[in-house]
N, C-alpha and C. Protein backbone atom coordinates (compact mmCIF):
# COMPACT_ATOMS: atom_id res chain seq x y z
N MET A 1 108.93 123.68 100.88
CA MET A 1 108.30 122.38 101.04
C MET A 1 108.37 121.62 99.71
N GLU A 2 108.64 120.32 99.78
CA GLU A 2 108.77 119.47 98.60
C GLU A 2 107.41 119.22 97.96
N ASP A 3 107.36 119.32 96.63
CA ASP A 3 106.15 119.04 95.87
C ASP A 3 106.13 117.55 95.54
N ILE A 4 105.34 116.76 96.28
CA ILE A 4 105.35 115.31 96.07
C ILE A 4 104.73 114.91 94.74
N THR A 5 104.03 115.79 94.07
CA THR A 5 103.49 115.45 92.76
C THR A 5 104.60 115.36 91.72
N LYS A 6 105.78 115.85 92.05
CA LYS A 6 106.91 115.80 91.13
C LYS A 6 107.79 114.58 91.34
N ARG A 7 107.40 113.67 92.19
CA ARG A 7 108.16 112.45 92.39
C ARG A 7 107.88 111.48 91.25
N PRO A 8 108.86 110.65 90.91
CA PRO A 8 108.62 109.65 89.86
C PRO A 8 107.53 108.66 90.28
N LYS A 9 106.81 108.18 89.28
CA LYS A 9 105.79 107.15 89.49
C LYS A 9 106.37 105.81 89.00
N VAL A 10 105.75 104.73 89.45
CA VAL A 10 106.18 103.40 89.04
C VAL A 10 105.23 102.88 87.95
N GLY A 11 105.82 102.62 86.79
CA GLY A 11 105.07 102.01 85.70
C GLY A 11 105.56 100.58 85.50
N VAL A 12 104.68 99.75 84.98
CA VAL A 12 105.04 98.36 84.70
C VAL A 12 104.74 98.09 83.23
N GLY A 13 105.75 97.62 82.51
CA GLY A 13 105.58 97.22 81.12
C GLY A 13 105.65 95.70 81.05
N VAL A 14 104.68 95.10 80.35
CA VAL A 14 104.58 93.64 80.30
C VAL A 14 104.95 93.16 78.89
N ILE A 15 106.08 92.50 78.80
CA ILE A 15 106.53 91.93 77.54
C ILE A 15 105.90 90.55 77.43
N VAL A 16 104.84 90.44 76.62
CA VAL A 16 104.13 89.18 76.44
C VAL A 16 104.67 88.51 75.19
N LYS A 17 105.20 87.28 75.36
CA LYS A 17 105.81 86.55 74.24
C LYS A 17 104.89 85.42 73.78
N LYS A 18 104.85 85.25 72.44
CA LYS A 18 104.09 84.15 71.84
C LYS A 18 104.66 83.88 70.46
N ASP A 19 105.07 82.65 70.21
CA ASP A 19 105.55 82.24 68.89
C ASP A 19 106.66 83.16 68.37
N GLY A 20 107.59 83.55 69.25
CA GLY A 20 108.72 84.38 68.84
C GLY A 20 108.40 85.84 68.62
N LYS A 21 107.22 86.27 69.02
CA LYS A 21 106.81 87.67 68.85
C LYS A 21 106.39 88.26 70.19
N VAL A 22 106.27 89.60 70.22
CA VAL A 22 105.79 90.30 71.41
C VAL A 22 104.54 91.09 71.08
N LEU A 23 103.68 91.22 72.07
CA LEU A 23 102.41 91.93 71.91
C LEU A 23 102.64 93.41 72.19
N MET A 24 102.23 94.26 71.24
CA MET A 24 102.37 95.71 71.41
C MET A 24 101.06 96.39 71.07
N GLN A 25 100.88 97.58 71.66
CA GLN A 25 99.67 98.35 71.41
C GLN A 25 100.03 99.80 71.13
N LYS A 26 99.20 100.45 70.32
CA LYS A 26 99.40 101.86 69.99
C LYS A 26 98.58 102.70 70.96
N ARG A 27 99.25 103.63 71.63
CA ARG A 27 98.65 104.43 72.69
C ARG A 27 97.78 105.55 72.14
N LYS A 28 96.72 105.83 72.86
CA LYS A 28 95.93 107.03 72.58
C LYS A 28 95.31 107.50 73.90
N GLY A 29 95.00 108.77 73.98
CA GLY A 29 94.32 109.30 75.15
C GLY A 29 95.16 109.37 76.41
N ALA A 30 96.47 109.24 76.30
CA ALA A 30 97.35 109.31 77.47
C ALA A 30 98.68 109.86 77.01
N HIS A 31 99.58 110.12 77.97
CA HIS A 31 100.89 110.61 77.54
C HIS A 31 101.53 109.55 76.65
N GLY A 32 102.31 109.99 75.71
CA GLY A 32 102.88 109.06 74.73
C GLY A 32 101.91 108.76 73.61
N PHE A 33 100.90 109.59 73.43
CA PHE A 33 99.88 109.41 72.40
C PHE A 33 100.54 109.10 71.05
N GLY A 34 100.04 108.06 70.37
CA GLY A 34 100.53 107.73 69.04
C GLY A 34 101.78 106.85 69.02
N THR A 35 102.30 106.50 70.19
CA THR A 35 103.49 105.64 70.23
C THR A 35 103.08 104.21 70.56
N TRP A 36 103.99 103.30 70.27
CA TRP A 36 103.76 101.88 70.52
C TRP A 36 104.43 101.44 71.82
N CYS A 37 103.74 100.59 72.56
CA CYS A 37 104.26 100.13 73.84
C CYS A 37 103.77 98.72 74.12
N PHE A 38 104.25 98.14 75.19
CA PHE A 38 103.75 96.87 75.69
C PHE A 38 102.54 97.16 76.58
N PRO A 39 101.70 96.16 76.83
CA PRO A 39 100.64 96.37 77.82
C PRO A 39 101.29 96.75 79.16
N GLY A 40 100.55 97.46 79.96
CA GLY A 40 101.07 97.83 81.28
C GLY A 40 100.41 99.06 81.82
N GLY A 41 100.93 99.53 82.94
CA GLY A 41 100.36 100.71 83.57
C GLY A 41 100.97 100.92 84.94
N HIS A 42 100.22 101.65 85.76
CA HIS A 42 100.70 102.00 87.10
C HIS A 42 100.58 100.82 88.05
N MET A 43 101.61 100.66 88.86
CA MET A 43 101.54 99.70 89.96
C MET A 43 100.65 100.31 91.03
N GLU A 44 99.72 99.52 91.55
CA GLU A 44 98.83 99.99 92.59
C GLU A 44 99.40 99.64 93.96
N PHE A 45 98.99 100.40 94.97
CA PHE A 45 99.49 100.21 96.33
C PHE A 45 99.28 98.77 96.77
N GLY A 46 100.35 98.13 97.25
CA GLY A 46 100.28 96.78 97.79
C GLY A 46 100.42 95.67 96.77
N GLU A 47 100.47 96.01 95.48
CA GLU A 47 100.59 94.98 94.44
C GLU A 47 102.03 94.52 94.27
N SER A 48 102.18 93.27 93.86
CA SER A 48 103.48 92.78 93.42
C SER A 48 103.60 93.08 91.93
N LEU A 49 104.81 92.98 91.40
CA LEU A 49 104.99 93.16 89.95
C LEU A 49 104.14 92.16 89.17
N GLU A 50 104.13 90.93 89.62
CA GLU A 50 103.38 89.89 88.94
C GLU A 50 101.88 90.20 88.94
N GLU A 51 101.38 90.67 90.07
CA GLU A 51 99.95 91.02 90.16
C GLU A 51 99.61 92.18 89.22
N THR A 52 100.49 93.17 89.18
CA THR A 52 100.27 94.31 88.28
C THR A 52 100.25 93.83 86.84
N ALA A 53 101.21 92.99 86.47
CA ALA A 53 101.29 92.48 85.10
C ALA A 53 100.03 91.72 84.71
N ARG A 54 99.57 90.85 85.58
CA ARG A 54 98.35 90.08 85.30
C ARG A 54 97.14 91.00 85.16
N ARG A 55 97.00 91.93 86.09
CA ARG A 55 95.85 92.85 86.08
C ARG A 55 95.84 93.70 84.82
N GLU A 56 96.99 94.27 84.48
CA GLU A 56 97.04 95.18 83.34
C GLU A 56 96.77 94.46 82.00
N THR A 57 97.29 93.25 81.83
CA THR A 57 97.05 92.56 80.56
C THR A 57 95.58 92.16 80.42
N ILE A 58 94.93 91.84 81.53
CA ILE A 58 93.49 91.54 81.49
C ILE A 58 92.71 92.82 81.22
N GLU A 59 93.02 93.90 81.96
CA GLU A 59 92.29 95.17 81.79
C GLU A 59 92.44 95.74 80.38
N GLU A 60 93.64 95.67 79.82
CA GLU A 60 93.89 96.33 78.54
C GLU A 60 93.55 95.48 77.33
N LEU A 61 93.87 94.18 77.38
CA LEU A 61 93.71 93.35 76.19
C LEU A 61 92.94 92.06 76.42
N GLY A 62 92.48 91.82 77.66
CA GLY A 62 91.64 90.66 77.93
C GLY A 62 92.33 89.32 77.83
N ILE A 63 93.65 89.29 78.07
CA ILE A 63 94.38 88.03 77.97
C ILE A 63 95.01 87.64 79.30
N GLU A 64 95.28 86.34 79.42
CA GLU A 64 95.96 85.80 80.59
C GLU A 64 97.42 85.54 80.21
N ILE A 65 98.31 85.72 81.18
CA ILE A 65 99.74 85.46 80.97
C ILE A 65 100.23 84.45 82.00
N THR A 66 101.38 83.85 81.71
CA THR A 66 101.97 82.85 82.59
C THR A 66 103.49 82.98 82.55
N ASN A 67 104.18 82.24 83.41
CA ASN A 67 105.66 82.25 83.45
C ASN A 67 106.20 83.68 83.54
N ILE A 68 105.74 84.41 84.51
CA ILE A 68 106.12 85.82 84.66
C ILE A 68 107.44 85.91 85.41
N TRP A 69 108.39 86.66 84.85
CA TRP A 69 109.63 86.91 85.55
C TRP A 69 110.04 88.36 85.39
N VAL A 70 110.80 88.83 86.36
CA VAL A 70 111.21 90.23 86.41
C VAL A 70 112.32 90.49 85.40
N GLY A 71 112.14 91.52 84.62
CA GLY A 71 113.14 91.94 83.64
C GLY A 71 113.86 93.19 84.11
N PRO A 72 114.36 93.97 83.17
CA PRO A 72 115.09 95.20 83.51
C PRO A 72 114.15 96.35 83.86
N TYR A 73 114.74 97.49 84.17
CA TYR A 73 113.97 98.70 84.42
C TYR A 73 114.57 99.83 83.61
N THR A 74 113.77 100.89 83.43
CA THR A 74 114.27 102.10 82.78
C THR A 74 113.87 103.31 83.61
N ASN A 75 114.63 104.38 83.45
CA ASN A 75 114.37 105.66 84.11
C ASN A 75 113.91 106.60 83.01
N ASP A 76 112.63 106.97 83.02
CA ASP A 76 112.01 107.65 81.88
C ASP A 76 111.48 109.03 82.26
N VAL A 77 112.19 110.06 81.78
CA VAL A 77 111.76 111.44 82.02
C VAL A 77 111.12 111.95 80.74
N HIS A 78 109.81 112.10 80.78
CA HIS A 78 109.04 112.60 79.65
C HIS A 78 109.03 114.13 79.75
N THR A 79 110.09 114.75 79.26
CA THR A 79 110.28 116.19 79.47
C THR A 79 109.15 117.03 78.90
N GLY A 80 108.68 116.70 77.73
CA GLY A 80 107.62 117.49 77.11
C GLY A 80 106.31 117.43 77.85
N GLU A 81 106.13 116.38 78.64
CA GLU A 81 104.88 116.20 79.37
C GLU A 81 105.02 116.41 80.87
N GLY A 82 106.24 116.70 81.31
CA GLY A 82 106.46 116.93 82.73
C GLY A 82 106.22 115.71 83.60
N LYS A 83 106.49 114.53 83.06
CA LYS A 83 106.27 113.30 83.83
C LYS A 83 107.59 112.54 83.96
N HIS A 84 107.70 111.80 85.04
CA HIS A 84 108.90 111.00 85.31
C HIS A 84 108.44 109.66 85.85
N TYR A 85 108.87 108.59 85.18
CA TYR A 85 108.52 107.23 85.60
C TYR A 85 109.77 106.39 85.73
N VAL A 86 109.74 105.47 86.67
CA VAL A 86 110.65 104.35 86.67
C VAL A 86 109.78 103.20 86.16
N THR A 87 110.17 102.63 85.03
CA THR A 87 109.37 101.56 84.43
C THR A 87 110.04 100.23 84.69
N LEU A 88 109.31 99.35 85.35
CA LEU A 88 109.77 98.00 85.67
C LEU A 88 109.17 97.07 84.62
N PHE A 89 110.02 96.37 83.92
CA PHE A 89 109.54 95.45 82.89
C PHE A 89 109.46 94.03 83.45
N VAL A 90 108.40 93.34 83.09
CA VAL A 90 108.29 91.92 83.36
C VAL A 90 108.13 91.21 82.03
N VAL A 91 108.62 90.00 81.97
CA VAL A 91 108.52 89.19 80.77
C VAL A 91 107.60 88.03 81.08
N SER A 92 106.73 87.69 80.14
CA SER A 92 105.79 86.60 80.38
C SER A 92 105.50 85.88 79.08
N ASP A 93 104.89 84.74 79.23
CA ASP A 93 104.38 84.00 78.08
C ASP A 93 102.88 84.20 78.00
N TYR A 94 102.37 84.26 76.79
CA TYR A 94 100.93 84.30 76.55
C TYR A 94 100.34 82.99 77.05
N ALA A 95 99.21 83.06 77.75
CA ALA A 95 98.57 81.85 78.26
C ALA A 95 97.26 81.56 77.55
N SER A 96 96.34 82.55 77.54
CA SER A 96 95.03 82.30 76.94
C SER A 96 94.28 83.60 76.70
N GLY A 97 93.20 83.47 75.93
CA GLY A 97 92.35 84.60 75.61
C GLY A 97 92.67 85.15 74.23
N ASP A 98 91.68 85.73 73.60
CA ASP A 98 91.87 86.40 72.32
C ASP A 98 92.06 87.88 72.59
N PRO A 99 93.25 88.42 72.26
CA PRO A 99 93.46 89.85 72.55
C PRO A 99 92.40 90.71 71.87
N LYS A 100 91.91 91.67 72.63
CA LYS A 100 90.96 92.64 72.10
C LYS A 100 91.13 93.94 72.88
N ILE A 101 90.78 95.03 72.26
CA ILE A 101 90.92 96.34 72.92
C ILE A 101 89.82 96.46 73.98
N MET A 102 90.24 96.47 75.24
CA MET A 102 89.31 96.57 76.36
C MET A 102 89.12 98.02 76.82
N GLU A 103 90.10 98.87 76.50
CA GLU A 103 90.05 100.29 76.89
C GLU A 103 90.23 101.14 75.63
N PRO A 104 89.16 101.31 74.84
CA PRO A 104 89.30 102.03 73.57
C PRO A 104 89.70 103.50 73.72
N ASP A 105 89.59 104.04 74.93
CA ASP A 105 90.04 105.41 75.17
C ASP A 105 91.56 105.48 75.35
N LYS A 106 92.21 104.32 75.54
CA LYS A 106 93.65 104.29 75.78
C LYS A 106 94.45 103.57 74.70
N THR A 107 93.80 102.67 73.98
CA THR A 107 94.49 101.85 72.98
C THR A 107 93.79 101.97 71.63
N GLU A 108 94.58 102.26 70.60
CA GLU A 108 94.04 102.42 69.26
C GLU A 108 94.13 101.12 68.45
N PHE A 109 95.21 100.36 68.67
CA PHE A 109 95.48 99.18 67.85
C PHE A 109 96.45 98.29 68.60
N PHE A 110 96.46 97.00 68.30
CA PHE A 110 97.45 96.09 68.88
C PHE A 110 97.80 95.04 67.84
N ASP A 111 98.97 94.41 68.02
CA ASP A 111 99.37 93.31 67.15
C ASP A 111 100.61 92.66 67.75
N TRP A 112 101.00 91.51 67.18
CA TRP A 112 102.20 90.79 67.57
C TRP A 112 103.31 91.18 66.61
N PHE A 113 104.52 91.44 67.14
CA PHE A 113 105.64 91.90 66.33
C PHE A 113 106.92 91.14 66.69
N ASP A 114 107.79 90.97 65.69
CA ASP A 114 109.13 90.47 65.94
C ASP A 114 109.88 91.51 66.75
N TRP A 115 110.72 91.07 67.69
CA TRP A 115 111.49 91.99 68.53
C TRP A 115 112.32 92.95 67.68
N GLU A 116 112.90 92.44 66.62
CA GLU A 116 113.77 93.26 65.77
C GLU A 116 113.00 94.12 64.78
N GLU A 117 111.67 93.99 64.74
CA GLU A 117 110.86 94.73 63.77
C GLU A 117 109.67 95.40 64.44
N MET A 118 109.91 96.05 65.57
CA MET A 118 108.84 96.74 66.28
C MET A 118 108.36 97.94 65.46
N PRO A 119 107.07 98.27 65.59
CA PRO A 119 106.55 99.43 64.88
C PRO A 119 107.09 100.72 65.48
N ARG A 120 107.02 101.78 64.75
CA ARG A 120 107.48 103.09 65.20
C ARG A 120 106.34 104.09 65.09
N PRO A 121 106.34 105.15 65.87
CA PRO A 121 107.32 105.49 66.91
C PRO A 121 107.08 104.69 68.18
N LEU A 122 108.15 104.52 68.95
CA LEU A 122 108.08 103.77 70.20
C LEU A 122 107.91 104.71 71.39
N PHE A 123 107.22 104.22 72.41
CA PHE A 123 107.05 104.91 73.69
C PHE A 123 108.42 105.01 74.36
N LEU A 124 108.69 106.11 75.04
CA LEU A 124 110.00 106.38 75.63
C LEU A 124 110.57 105.21 76.45
N PRO A 125 109.81 104.55 77.32
CA PRO A 125 110.41 103.43 78.06
C PRO A 125 110.94 102.32 77.14
N ILE A 126 110.29 102.09 76.02
CA ILE A 126 110.76 101.05 75.09
C ILE A 126 112.05 101.51 74.42
N ILE A 127 112.10 102.78 74.04
CA ILE A 127 113.33 103.34 73.46
C ILE A 127 114.48 103.15 74.44
N ASN A 128 114.25 103.51 75.71
CA ASN A 128 115.29 103.38 76.72
C ASN A 128 115.66 101.92 76.98
N LEU A 129 114.68 101.02 76.90
CA LEU A 129 114.94 99.60 77.07
C LEU A 129 115.83 99.08 75.94
N LEU A 130 115.54 99.47 74.71
CA LEU A 130 116.33 99.02 73.57
C LEU A 130 117.75 99.59 73.62
N GLU A 131 117.89 100.81 74.14
CA GLU A 131 119.23 101.41 74.27
C GLU A 131 120.10 100.62 75.24
N GLN A 132 119.49 99.87 76.15
CA GLN A 132 120.23 99.00 77.07
C GLN A 132 120.68 97.71 76.38
N GLY A 133 120.18 97.48 75.17
CA GLY A 133 120.52 96.26 74.47
C GLY A 133 119.71 95.05 74.91
N TYR A 134 118.64 95.28 75.63
CA TYR A 134 117.84 94.17 76.15
C TYR A 134 117.08 93.45 75.03
N ASN A 135 117.02 92.12 75.16
CA ASN A 135 116.24 91.30 74.24
C ASN A 135 115.72 90.11 75.04
N PRO A 136 114.39 89.99 75.21
CA PRO A 136 113.85 88.91 76.05
C PRO A 136 113.98 87.52 75.41
N PHE A 137 114.43 87.46 74.18
CA PHE A 137 114.57 86.17 73.50
C PHE A 137 116.01 85.63 73.58
N LYS A 138 116.91 86.39 74.22
CA LYS A 138 118.30 85.95 74.33
C LYS A 138 118.66 85.65 75.77
C-alpha cells in the first residue's frame, strides 16, 4: 500500500518587490532552520496561488501585496529532512503595512535585499530557483 505521507507537498514562495529589492526572512523552528527565504508556506485546500500569497504575507510579516503574478516553480527534495515540496513562486509588489515578525516561532529576522546580493545560506527552493537563472527584475 502506498504511503501518502511521502507525497510531495505544495509550497508557495512570495517574491515581494519594493524599490528594486526583495523581502526575505531568516527561518527558525521549521525545516530549513537558519536559512533565508521569501515569505510563504503551504497552500491550503481550495486556495488559489494569489490567495495563498496574500494570506502568507499577512500571517508572517503583516504586509499587503498587490500586482500578483505567477512565476516559476521548483522541485525541492530536502533529503536530510525527508521532505519533498513542489514550490510555486509568485511575484508581487509591496502594497502597504510595516513589515514585522508575526510568527516569532518561525521567523528570526527579515529585511529587504538586492536580488544579486541575497543573504546566505539560502533555503533549498531559492537555491533551485537561482539555478534556473530566474530574476523577477528582468
